[in-house]
Amino acid sequence: MDNISDDNLKRLAKFIAEELINLAKETQQEDWLETNIRDNAVGELARCVTLQNLYLDREEYEKCAIMKVRIMELCDRLDLHIDSDLTDLEDEEDEI
């Protein structure tokens, strides 16, 4: 950054910020809502997978089964095709 002056750097930053604001203004509200809903669903999926793994480690299989159902619902909503290992309640050690 030594070969660019502070004034030029500020002008570049202002130009980029203005262009981003213009693009945001052109975007429809529905696009933001749809993205936000999908992001929330992906976050919920991550939470459920984490809880399922926690419950599996604690051998709380009833809670694990509830998380499995929730994970499958979220994957359907997100149109994701999940690997069967994600919802498989079998312990890997049992398979060996």
C-alpha atoms as a PDB file:
ATOM      1  CA  MET A   1       0.000   0.000   0.000  1.00  0.00           C
ATOM      2  CA  ASP A   2       3.037   2.280   0.044  1.00  0.00           C
ATOM      3  CA  ASN A   3       2.602   3.267  -3.595  1.00  0.00           C
ATOM      4  CA  ILE A   4      -0.974   4.582  -3.196  1.00  0.00           C
ATOM      5  CA  SER A   5      -1.633   7.885  -1.463  1.00  0.00           C
ATOM      6  CA  ASP A   6      -4.083   8.214   1.412  1.00  0.00           C
ATOM      7  CA  ASP A   7      -6.304  10.475  -0.694  1.00  0.00           C
ATOM      8  CA  ASN A   8      -6.476   7.945  -3.525  1.00  0.00           C
ATOM      9  CA  LEU A   9      -7.165   5.152  -1.059  1.00  0.00           C
ATOM     10  CA  LYS A  10     -10.023   7.135   0.510  1.00  0.00           C
ATOM     11  CA  ARG A  11     -11.484   7.918  -2.928  1.00  0.00           C
ATOM     12  CA  LEU A  12     -11.295   4.248  -3.887  1.00  0.00           C
ATOM     13  CA  ALA A  13     -12.986   3.209  -0.628  1.00  0.00           C
ATOM     14  CA  LYS A  14     -15.731   5.815  -1.141  1.00  0.00           C
ATOM     15  CA  PHE A  15     -16.292   4.650  -4.723  1.00  0.00           C
ATOM     16  CA  ILE A  16     -16.566   0.996  -3.655  1.00  0.00           C
ATOM     17  CA  ALA A  17     -18.951   1.868  -0.806  1.00  0.00           C
ATOM     18  CA  GLU A  18     -21.169   3.938  -3.109  1.00  0.00           C
ATOM     19  CA  GLU A  19     -21.322   1.153  -5.688  1.00  0.00           C
ATOM     20  CA  LEU A  20     -22.259  -1.398  -3.025  1.00  0.00           C
ATOM     21  CA  ILE A  21     -24.999   0.896  -1.743  1.00  0.00           C
ATOM     22  CA  ASN A  22     -26.327   1.377  -5.285  1.00  0.00           C
ATOM     23  CA  LEU A  23     -26.399  -2.376  -5.849  1.00  0.00           C
ATOM     24  CA  ALA A  24     -28.201  -2.894  -2.544  1.00  0.00           C
ATOM     25  CA  LYS A  25     -30.814  -0.313  -3.504  1.00  0.00           C
ATOM     26  CA  GLU A  26     -31.469  -2.110  -6.789  1.00  0.00           C
ATOM     27  CA  THR A  27     -32.027  -5.442  -5.049  1.00  0.00           C
ATOM     28  CA  GLN A  28     -35.612  -6.413  -4.326  1.00  0.00           C
ATOM     29  CA  GLN A  29     -36.666  -6.893  -0.704  1.00  0.00           C
ATOM     30  CA  GLU A  30     -37.813 -10.442  -1.492  1.00  0.00           C
ATOM     31  CA  ASP A  31     -34.241 -11.367  -2.438  1.00  0.00           C
ATOM     32  CA  TRP A  32     -32.989 -10.280   0.986  1.00  0.00           C
ATOM     33  CA  LEU A  33     -35.782 -12.103   2.805  1.00  0.00           C
ATOM     34  CA  GLU A  34     -35.270 -15.328   0.866  1.00  0.00           C
ATOM     35  CA  THR A  35     -31.540 -15.289   1.564  1.00  0.00           C
ATOM     36  CA  ASN A  36     -32.131 -14.508   5.232  1.00  0.00           C
ATOM     37  CA  ILE A  37     -34.619 -17.371   5.614  1.00  0.00           C
ATOM     38  CA  ARG A  38     -32.223 -19.810   3.942  1.00  0.00           C
ATOM     39  CA  ASP A  39     -29.315 -18.633   6.108  1.00  0.00           C
ATOM     40  CA  ASN A  40     -31.404 -19.150   9.230  1.00  0.00           C
ATOM     41  CA  ALA A  41     -32.349 -22.656   8.109  1.00  0.00           C
ATOM     42  CA  VAL A  42     -28.699 -23.535   7.437  1.00  0.00           C
ATOM     43  CA  GLY A  43     -27.777 -22.259  10.906  1.00  0.00           C
ATOM     44  CA  GLU A  44     -30.559 -24.323  12.463  1.00  0.00           C
ATOM     45  CA  LEU A  45     -29.333 -27.378  10.544  1.00  0.00           C
ATOM     46  CA  ALA A  46     -25.815 -26.884  11.900  1.00  0.00           C
ATOM     47  CA  ARG A  47     -27.184 -26.555  15.429  1.00  0.00           C
ATOM     48  CA  CYS A  48     -29.243 -29.729  15.089  1.00  0.00           C
ATOM     49  CA  VAL A  49     -26.320 -31.740  13.722  1.00  0.00           C
ATOM     50  CA  THR A  50     -24.143 -30.524  16.597  1.00  0.00           C
ATOM     51  CA  LEU A  51     -26.796 -31.471  19.144  1.00  0.00           C
ATOM     52  CA  GLN A  52     -27.308 -34.856  17.509  1.00  0.00           C
ATOM     53  CA  ASN A  53     -23.593 -35.589  17.838  1.00  0.00           C
ATOM     54  CA  LEU A  54     -23.619 -34.416  21.457  1.00  0.00           C
ATOM     55  CA  TYR A  55     -26.600 -36.623  22.289  1.00  0.00           C
ATOM     56  CA  LEU A  56     -25.011 -39.563  20.511  1.00  0.00           C
ATOM     57  CA  ASP A  57     -21.840 -39.163  22.586  1.00  0.00           C
ATOM     58  CA  ARG A  58     -23.968 -39.049  25.747  1.00  0.00           C
ATOM     59  CA  GLU A  59     -25.962 -42.071  24.546  1.00  0.00           C
ATOM     60  CA  GLU A  60     -29.220 -40.087  24.770  1.00  0.00           C
ATOM     61  CA  TYR A  61     -30.805 -41.887  21.842  1.00  0.00           C
ATOM     62  CA  GLU A  62     -34.333 -40.482  22.208  1.00  0.00           C
ATOM     63  CA  LYS A  63     -33.027 -36.919  21.848  1.00  0.00           C
ATOM     64  CA  CYS A  64     -30.787 -38.095  19.032  1.00  0.00           C
ATOM     65  CA  ALA A  65     -33.808 -39.455  17.166  1.00  0.00           C
ATOM     66  CA  ILE A  66     -35.640 -36.135  17.588  1.00  0.00           C
ATOM     67  CA  MET A  67     -32.657 -34.320  16.082  1.00  0.00           C
ATOM     68  CA  LYS A  68     -32.583 -36.821  13.209  1.00  0.00           C
ATOM     69  CA  VAL A  69     -36.194 -35.971  12.332  1.00  0.00           C
ATOM     70  CA  ARG A  70     -35.477 -32.237  12.582  1.00  0.00           C
ATOM     71  CA  ILE A  71     -32.370 -32.585  10.394  1.00  0.00           C
ATOM     72  CA  MET A  72     -34.349 -34.438   7.747  1.00  0.00           C
ATOM     73  CA  GLU A  73     -37.077 -31.734   7.791  1.00  0.00           C
ATOM     74  CA  LEU A  74     -34.507 -28.965   7.389  1.00  0.00           C
ATOM     75  CA  CYS A  75     -32.726 -30.791   4.579  1.00  0.00           C
ATOM     76  CA  ASP A  76     -36.037 -31.190   2.756  1.00  0.00           C
ATOM     77  CA  ARG A  77     -36.775 -27.487   3.202  1.00  0.00           C
ATOM     78  CA  LEU A  78     -33.299 -26.568   1.921  1.00  0.00           C
ATOM     79  CA  ASP A  79     -33.509 -29.135  -0.884  1.00  0.00           C
ATOM     80  CA  LEU A  80     -30.318 -30.814   0.334  1.00  0.00           C
ATOM     81  CA  HIS A  81     -29.543 -34.438  -0.303  1.00  0.00           C
ATOM     82  CA  ILE A  82     -27.744 -35.569   2.799  1.00  0.00           C
ATOM     83  CA  ASP A  83     -25.422 -38.479   3.267  1.00  0.00           C
ATOM     84  CA  SER A  84     -27.040 -41.265   5.266  1.00  0.00           C
ATOM     85  CA  ASP A  85     -24.091 -41.092   7.698  1.00  0.00           C
ATOM     86  CA  LEU A  86     -25.384 -37.742   8.931  1.00  0.00           C
ATOM     87  CA  THR A  87     -28.534 -39.250  10.389  1.00  0.00           C
ATOM     88  CA  ASP A  88     -27.196 -42.725  11.108  1.00  0.00           C
ATOM     89  CA  LEU A  89     -27.458 -43.346  14.824  1.00  0.00           C
ATOM     90  CA  GLU A  90     -25.051 -46.279  14.772  1.00  0.00           C
ATOM     91  CA  ASP A  91     -21.729 -45.711  16.492  1.00  0.00           C
ATOM     92  CA  GLU A  92     -18.740 -46.132  14.163  1.00  0.00           C
ATOM     93  CA  GLU A  93     -17.037 -48.321  16.756  1.00  0.00           C
ATOM     94  CA  ASP A  94     -19.954 -50.783  16.615  1.00  0.00           C
ATOM     95  CA  GLU A  95     -19.406 -51.284  12.884  1.00  0.00           C
ATOM     96  CA  ILE A  96     -15.761 -52.350  13.225  1.00  0.00           C
END
